[in-house]
């Protein structure tokens, strides 16, 4: 076997081990954003990300700040990166999603109204830009 082939096999084996070791034992990333109504009622936008670069995501709007802490707790979650943009104003949570995303909030709230609006791609891109800049109260998923 030539020196080039041995070096190639060595680097291939090393790369494979690094990839396997890097993927094993990684923990999921849980984030939660608390929103509070003028009457003190709390609502949470929870996300759970996983994967080597956290490029898989579940998102949920809920009363429970601990809901969605693990992938075994995803029954009402929305799957996909950045499934909606939101705005919380005057005790109303506005959720803006692309037309193909279906948002269903299972919890009911006494003092918080939730409005889900599906928008086309160009409007969603415009809202994403505004949310990234923090303009007009639009927010990205935590």
Foldseek 3Di string as FASTA:
>chain_A
DDPVVVVVVVVVVVVVVCVVVLQPPDAKDKDWDWDAAPVGQIKIWIKIFDDSVSQKMWIAIGSDRCQPRDPVRRPQTWIGAFQWKWAQDNLEIETEGAPVGDHDHPDDDDRHHYHYYHDHPVVRVVLVVCQVVCHPRIHTRD
